Amino acid sequence: ISYHLEMSFFEVYNEKIHDLLVCKGENGQRKQPSWLELGNKQRATAATGMNDKSSRSHSVFTLVMTQTK
């Protein structure tokens, strides 16, 4: 039996789709991110009257697992 896992995390902001799993490392360094933390940090935010970091987008996190015998 083999397993295959696919993951995607994107946001829709200003009628455009942005991939939230693109790792933007500092000084060209690559690190293994916690995927949900990475995606949430890269979401579009702005201040509102009630919240200083309100999300300005809708996000979709998807996991697809395929099992093959």
PDB file of N, CA and C in Angstrom:
ATOM      1  N   ILE A   1       0.858  -1.183   0.000  1.00  0.00           N
ATOM      2  CA  ILE A   1       0.000   0.000   0.000  1.00  0.00           C
ATOM      3  C   ILE A   1       0.896   1.235   0.000  1.00  0.00           C
ATOM      4  N   SER A   2       0.567   2.183  -0.848  1.00  0.00           N
ATOM      5  CA  SER A   2       1.296   3.453  -0.849  1.00  0.00           C
ATOM      6  C   SER A   2       0.303   4.599  -0.623  1.00  0.00           C
ATOM      7  N   TYR A   3       0.835   5.665  -0.071  1.00  0.00           N
ATOM      8  CA  TYR A   3       0.017   6.837   0.226  1.00  0.00           C
ATOM      9  C   TYR A   3       0.636   8.059  -0.446  1.00  0.00           C
ATOM     10  N   HIS A   4      -0.212   8.944  -0.879  1.00  0.00           N
ATOM     11  CA  HIS A   4       0.230  10.200  -1.490  1.00  0.00           C
ATOM     12  C   HIS A   4      -0.599  11.321  -0.874  1.00  0.00           C
ATOM     13  N   LEU A   5       0.064  12.355  -0.377  1.00  0.00           N
ATOM     14  CA  LEU A   5      -0.618  13.472   0.271  1.00  0.00           C
ATOM     15  C   LEU A   5      -0.336  14.755  -0.495  1.00  0.00           C
ATOM     16  N   GLU A   6      -1.392  15.462  -0.843  1.00  0.00           N
ATOM     17  CA  GLU A   6      -1.272  16.754  -1.521  1.00  0.00           C
ATOM     18  C   GLU A   6      -1.880  17.825  -0.632  1.00  0.00           C
ATOM     19  N   MET A   7      -1.205  18.984  -0.561  1.00  0.00           N
ATOM     20  CA  MET A   7      -1.670  20.061   0.297  1.00  0.00           C
ATOM     21  C   MET A   7      -1.645  21.368  -0.485  1.00  0.00           C
ATOM     22  N   SER A   8      -2.663  22.181  -0.277  1.00  0.00           N
ATOM     23  CA  SER A   8      -2.663  23.527  -0.849  1.00  0.00           C
ATOM     24  C   SER A   8      -3.258  24.489   0.176  1.00  0.00           C
ATOM     25  N   PHE A   9      -2.811  25.727   0.122  1.00  0.00           N
ATOM     26  CA  PHE A   9      -3.307  26.775   1.016  1.00  0.00           C
ATOM     27  C   PHE A   9      -3.219  28.074   0.232  1.00  0.00           C
ATOM     28  N   PHE A  10      -4.348  28.667  -0.071  1.00  0.00           N
ATOM     29  CA  PHE A  10      -4.342  29.895  -0.845  1.00  0.00           C
ATOM     30  C   PHE A  10      -5.385  30.857  -0.307  1.00  0.00           C
ATOM     31  N   GLU A  11      -5.234  32.109  -0.701  1.00  0.00           N
ATOM     32  CA  GLU A  11      -6.210  33.125  -0.315  1.00  0.00           C
ATOM     33  C   GLU A  11      -6.738  33.819  -1.560  1.00  0.00           C
ATOM     34  N   VAL A  12      -7.932  34.333  -1.447  1.00  0.00           N
ATOM     35  CA  VAL A  12      -8.520  35.167  -2.486  1.00  0.00           C
ATOM     36  C   VAL A  12      -8.608  36.565  -1.901  1.00  0.00           C
ATOM     37  N   TYR A  13      -7.870  37.485  -2.509  1.00  0.00           N
ATOM     38  CA  TYR A  13      -7.799  38.858  -2.015  1.00  0.00           C
ATOM     39  C   TYR A  13      -7.808  39.801  -3.209  1.00  0.00           C
ATOM     40  N   ASN A  14      -8.679  40.779  -3.189  1.00  0.00           N
ATOM     41  CA  ASN A  14      -8.828  41.724  -4.302  1.00  0.00           C
ATOM     42  C   ASN A  14      -9.019  40.994  -5.629  1.00  0.00           C
ATOM     43  N   GLU A  15      -9.829  39.945  -5.606  1.00  0.00           N
ATOM     44  CA  GLU A  15     -10.171  39.151  -6.782  1.00  0.00           C
ATOM     45  C   GLU A  15      -8.959  38.474  -7.420  1.00  0.00           C
ATOM     46  N   LYS A  16      -7.897  38.245  -6.639  1.00  0.00           N
ATOM     47  CA  LYS A  16      -6.715  37.533  -7.110  1.00  0.00           C
ATOM     48  C   LYS A  16      -6.407  36.401  -6.147  1.00  0.00           C
ATOM     49  N   ILE A  17      -5.839  35.305  -6.681  1.00  0.00           N
ATOM     50  CA  ILE A  17      -5.484  34.151  -5.871  1.00  0.00           C
ATOM     51  C   ILE A  17      -3.993  34.205  -5.557  1.00  0.00           C
ATOM     52  N   HIS A  18      -3.660  34.015  -4.271  1.00  0.00           N
ATOM     53  CA  HIS A  18      -2.270  34.043  -3.819  1.00  0.00           C
ATOM     54  C   HIS A  18      -1.941  32.732  -3.119  1.00  0.00           C
ATOM     55  N   ASP A  19      -0.830  32.097  -3.524  1.00  0.00           N
ATOM     56  CA  ASP A  19      -0.359  30.869  -2.890  1.00  0.00           C
ATOM     57  C   ASP A  19       0.280  31.234  -1.555  1.00  0.00           C
ATOM     58  N   LEU A  20      -0.232  30.684  -0.461  1.00  0.00           N
ATOM     59  CA  LEU A  20       0.277  31.013   0.870  1.00  0.00           C
ATOM     60  C   LEU A  20       1.397  30.084   1.333  1.00  0.00           C
ATOM     61  N   LEU A  21       1.751  29.104   0.533  1.00  0.00           N
ATOM     62  CA  LEU A  21       2.787  28.154   0.935  1.00  0.00           C
ATOM     63  C   LEU A  21       4.132  28.412   0.274  1.00  0.00           C
ATOM     64  N   VAL A  22       4.284  29.534  -0.402  1.00  0.00           N
ATOM     65  CA  VAL A  22       5.571  29.885  -0.984  1.00  0.00           C
ATOM     66  C   VAL A  22       6.468  30.371   0.152  1.00  0.00           C
ATOM     67  N   CYS A  23       7.542  29.642   0.390  1.00  0.00           N
ATOM     68  CA  CYS A  23       8.441  29.965   1.495  1.00  0.00           C
ATOM     69  C   CYS A  23       9.385  31.086   1.076  1.00  0.00           C
ATOM     70  N   LYS A  24       9.283  32.228   1.735  1.00  0.00           N
ATOM     71  CA  LYS A  24      10.132  33.381   1.442  1.00  0.00           C
ATOM     72  C   LYS A  24      11.211  33.464   2.514  1.00  0.00           C
ATOM     73  N   GLY A  25      12.289  32.724   2.341  1.00  0.00           N
ATOM     74  CA  GLY A  25      13.359  32.676   3.338  1.00  0.00           C
ATOM     75  C   GLY A  25      14.207  33.927   3.336  1.00  0.00           C
ATOM     76  N   GLU A  26      14.805  34.219   4.486  1.00  0.00           N
ATOM     77  CA  GLU A  26      15.689  35.367   4.608  1.00  0.00           C
ATOM     78  C   GLU A  26      17.101  34.977   4.196  1.00  0.00           C
ATOM     79  N   ASN A  27      17.788  35.846   3.474  1.00  0.00           N
ATOM     80  CA  ASN A  27      19.172  35.624   3.037  1.00  0.00           C
ATOM     81  C   ASN A  27      19.328  34.328   2.254  1.00  0.00           C
ATOM     82  N   GLY A  28      18.296  33.928   1.518  1.00  0.00           N
ATOM     83  CA  GLY A  28      18.359  32.721   0.717  1.00  0.00           C
ATOM     84  C   GLY A  28      18.316  31.431   1.514  1.00  0.00           C
ATOM     85  N   GLN A  29      18.092  31.527   2.820  1.00  0.00           N
ATOM     86  CA  GLN A  29      18.046  30.338   3.657  1.00  0.00           C
ATOM     87  C   GLN A  29      16.689  29.661   3.519  1.00  0.00           C
ATOM     88  N   ARG A  30      16.730  28.332   3.428  1.00  0.00           N
ATOM     89  CA  ARG A  30      15.482  27.563   3.389  1.00  0.00           C
ATOM     90  C   ARG A  30      15.291  26.914   4.738  1.00  0.00           C
ATOM     91  N   LYS A  31      14.091  27.001   5.250  1.00  0.00           N
ATOM     92  CA  LYS A  31      13.779  26.360   6.511  1.00  0.00           C
ATOM     93  C   LYS A  31      12.494  25.572   6.354  1.00  0.00           C
ATOM     94  N   GLN A  32      12.318  24.570   7.185  1.00  0.00           N
ATOM     95  CA  GLN A  32      11.094  23.777   7.138  1.00  0.00           C
ATOM     96  C   GLN A  32      10.026  24.486   7.965  1.00  0.00           C
ATOM     97  N   PRO A  33       9.055  25.092   7.317  1.00  0.00           N
ATOM     98  CA  PRO A  33       8.038  25.835   8.056  1.00  0.00           C
ATOM     99  C   PRO A  33       6.926  24.925   8.575  1.00  0.00           C
ATOM    100  N   SER A  34       6.220  25.424   9.585  1.00  0.00           N
ATOM    101  CA  SER A  34       4.935  24.843   9.967  1.00  0.00           C
ATOM    102  C   SER A  34       3.938  25.418   8.970  1.00  0.00           C
ATOM    103  N   TRP A  35       3.373  24.598   8.099  1.00  0.00           N
ATOM    104  CA  TRP A  35       2.628  25.080   6.937  1.00  0.00           C
ATOM    105  C   TRP A  35       1.458  25.991   7.285  1.00  0.00           C
ATOM    106  N   LEU A  36       0.680  25.668   8.305  1.00  0.00           N
ATOM    107  CA  LEU A  36      -0.442  26.542   8.664  1.00  0.00           C
ATOM    108  C   LEU A  36       0.053  27.883   9.194  1.00  0.00           C
ATOM    109  N   GLU A  37       1.114  27.876   9.985  1.00  0.00           N
ATOM    110  CA  GLU A  37       1.674  29.136  10.484  1.00  0.00           C
ATOM    111  C   GLU A  37       2.192  29.983   9.332  1.00  0.00           C
ATOM    112  N   LEU A  38       2.928  29.357   8.408  1.00  0.00           N
ATOM    113  CA  LEU A  38       3.451  30.087   7.261  1.00  0.00           C
ATOM    114  C   LEU A  38       2.323  30.727   6.459  1.00  0.00           C
ATOM    115  N   GLY A  39       1.298  29.949   6.142  1.00  0.00           N
ATOM    116  CA  GLY A  39       0.182  30.476   5.364  1.00  0.00           C
ATOM    117  C   GLY A  39      -0.546  31.600   6.070  1.00  0.00           C
ATOM    118  N   ASN A  40      -0.815  31.431   7.356  1.00  0.00           N
ATOM    119  CA  ASN A  40      -1.524  32.475   8.105  1.00  0.00           C
ATOM    120  C   ASN A  40      -0.711  33.752   8.214  1.00  0.00           C
ATOM    121  N   LYS A  41       0.603  33.645   8.337  1.00  0.00           N
ATOM    122  CA  LYS A  41       1.445  34.843   8.415  1.00  0.00           C
ATOM    123  C   LYS A  41       1.448  35.617   7.110  1.00  0.00           C
ATOM    124  N   GLN A  42       1.206  34.942   5.997  1.00  0.00           N
ATOM    125  CA  GLN A  42       1.291  35.598   4.692  1.00  0.00           C
ATOM    126  C   GLN A  42      -0.060  36.107   4.187  1.00  0.00           C
ATOM    127  N   ARG A  43      -1.115  35.922   4.972  1.00  0.00           N
ATOM    128  CA  ARG A  43      -2.422  36.419   4.550  1.00  0.00           C
ATOM    129  C   ARG A  43      -2.457  37.939   4.578  1.00  0.00           C
ATOM    130  N   ALA A  44      -3.259  38.509   3.720  1.00  0.00           N
ATOM    131  CA  ALA A  44      -3.415  39.957   3.669  1.00  0.00           C
ATOM    132  C   ALA A  44      -4.195  40.427   4.896  1.00  0.00           C
ATOM    133  N   THR A  45      -3.661  41.410   5.613  1.00  0.00           N
ATOM    134  CA  THR A  45      -4.336  41.979   6.784  1.00  0.00           C
ATOM    135  C   THR A  45      -4.294  43.503   6.706  1.00  0.00           C
ATOM    136  N   ALA A  46      -5.180  44.118   7.442  1.00  0.00           N
ATOM    137  CA  ALA A  46      -5.213  45.579   7.547  1.00  0.00           C
ATOM    138  C   ALA A  46      -5.950  45.937   8.829  1.00  0.00           C
ATOM    139  N   ALA A  47      -5.706  47.131   9.304  1.00  0.00           N
ATOM    140  CA  ALA A  47      -6.355  47.594  10.531  1.00  0.00           C
ATOM    141  C   ALA A  47      -7.799  48.009  10.245  1.00  0.00           C
ATOM    142  N   THR A  48      -8.669  47.699  11.195  1.00  0.00           N
ATOM    143  CA  THR A  48     -10.054  48.164  11.133  1.00  0.00           C
ATOM    144  C   THR A  48     -10.350  48.865  12.452  1.00  0.00           C
ATOM    145  N   GLY A  49     -11.540  49.390  12.580  1.00  0.00           N
ATOM    146  CA  GLY A  49     -11.926  50.073  13.810  1.00  0.00           C
ATOM    147  C   GLY A  49     -11.976  49.142  15.018  1.00  0.00           C
ATOM    148  N   MET A  50     -12.178  47.858  14.793  1.00  0.00           N
ATOM    149  CA  MET A  50     -12.302  46.916  15.903  1.00  0.00           C
ATOM    150  C   MET A  50     -11.115  45.961  16.036  1.00  0.00           C
ATOM    151  N   ASN A  51     -10.266  45.871  15.017  1.00  0.00           N
ATOM    152  CA  ASN A  51      -9.194  44.893  15.027  1.00  0.00           C
ATOM    153  C   ASN A  51      -7.992  45.444  14.260  1.00  0.00           C
ATOM    154  N   ASP A  52      -6.815  45.452  14.902  1.00  0.00           N
ATOM    155  CA  ASP A  52      -5.642  46.036  14.236  1.00  0.00           C
ATOM    156  C   ASP A  52      -5.012  45.102  13.203  1.00  0.00           C
ATOM    157  N   LYS A  53      -5.378  43.826  13.190  1.00  0.00           N
ATOM    158  CA  LYS A  53      -4.853  42.885  12.187  1.00  0.00           C
ATOM    159  C   LYS A  53      -5.982  42.030  11.617  1.00  0.00           C
ATOM    160  N   SER A  54      -6.973  42.675  11.081  1.00  0.00           N
ATOM    161  CA  SER A  54      -8.117  41.962  10.519  1.00  0.00           C
ATOM    162  C   SER A  54      -7.742  41.359   9.165  1.00  0.00           C
ATOM    163  N   SER A  55      -8.179  40.114   8.936  1.00  0.00           N
ATOM    164  CA  SER A  55      -7.929  39.473   7.649  1.00  0.00           C
ATOM    165  C   SER A  55      -8.747  40.173   6.575  1.00  0.00           C
ATOM    166  N   ARG A  56      -8.131  40.393   5.436  1.00  0.00           N
ATOM    167  CA  ARG A  56      -8.810  41.054   4.328  1.00  0.00           C
ATOM    168  C   ARG A  56      -9.098  40.065   3.206  1.00  0.00           C
ATOM    169  N   SER A  57      -8.988  38.769   3.496  1.00  0.00           N
ATOM    170  CA  SER A  57      -9.140  37.774   2.438  1.00  0.00           C
ATOM    171  C   SER A  57      -9.911  36.558   2.937  1.00  0.00           C
ATOM    172  N   HIS A  58     -10.218  35.680   2.009  1.00  0.00           N
ATOM    173  CA  HIS A  58     -10.786  34.371   2.327  1.00  0.00           C
ATOM    174  C   HIS A  58      -9.711  33.355   1.997  1.00  0.00           C
ATOM    175  N   SER A  59      -9.507  32.371   2.880  1.00  0.00           N
ATOM    176  CA  SER A  59      -8.466  31.377   2.614  1.00  0.00           C
ATOM    177  C   SER A  59      -9.073  29.979   2.556  1.00  0.00           C
ATOM    178  N   VAL A  60      -8.378  29.106   1.802  1.00  0.00           N
ATOM    179  CA  VAL A  60      -8.805  27.712   1.636  1.00  0.00           C
ATOM    180  C   VAL A  60      -7.578  26.828   1.862  1.00  0.00           C
ATOM    181  N   PHE A  61      -7.696  25.903   2.824  1.00  0.00           N
ATOM    182  CA  PHE A  61      -6.642  24.931   3.106  1.00  0.00           C
ATOM    183  C   PHE A  61      -7.193  23.571   2.702  1.00  0.00           C
ATOM    184  N   THR A  62      -6.467  22.833   1.853  1.00  0.00           N
ATOM    185  CA  THR A  62      -6.945  21.554   1.341  1.00  0.00           C
ATOM    186  C   THR A  62      -5.891  20.477   1.508  1.00  0.00           C
ATOM    187  N   LEU A  63      -6.331  19.312   2.003  1.00  0.00           N
ATOM    188  CA  LEU A  63      -5.491  18.113   2.056  1.00  0.00           C
ATOM    189  C   LEU A  63      -6.205  17.013   1.288  1.00  0.00           C
ATOM    190  N   VAL A  64      -5.473  16.360   0.378  1.00  0.00           N
ATOM    191  CA  VAL A  64      -6.018  15.238  -0.375  1.00  0.00           C
ATOM    192  C   VAL A  64      -5.084  14.057  -0.177  1.00  0.00           C
ATOM    193  N   MET A  65      -5.604  12.968   0.389  1.00  0.00           N
ATOM    194  CA  MET A  65      -4.795  11.771   0.594  1.00  0.00           C
ATOM    195  C   MET A  65      -5.302  10.675  -0.332  1.00  0.00           C
ATOM    196  N   THR A  66      -4.372  10.072  -1.080  1.00  0.00           N
ATOM    197  CA  THR A  66      -4.708   8.990  -1.997  1.00  0.00           C
ATOM    198  C   THR A  66      -4.001   7.725  -1.514  1.00  0.00           C
ATOM    199  N   GLN A  67      -4.756   6.655  -1.381  1.00  0.00           N
ATOM    200  CA  GLN A  67      -4.207   5.361  -0.977  1.00  0.00           C
ATOM    201  C   GLN A  67      -4.281   4.427  -2.182  1.00  0.00           C
ATOM    202  N   THR A  68      -3.158   3.793  -2.505  1.00  0.00           N
ATOM    203  CA  THR A  68      -3.099   2.874  -3.634  1.00  0.00           C
ATOM    204  C   THR A  68      -2.640   1.502  -3.147  1.00  0.00           C
ATOM    205  N   LYS A  69      -3.382   0.473  -3.543  1.00  0.00           N
ATOM    206  CA  LYS A  69      -3.000  -0.895  -3.181  1.00  0.00           C
ATOM    207  C   LYS A  69      -2.206  -1.542  -4.286  1.00  0.00           C
TER     208      LYS A  69
END
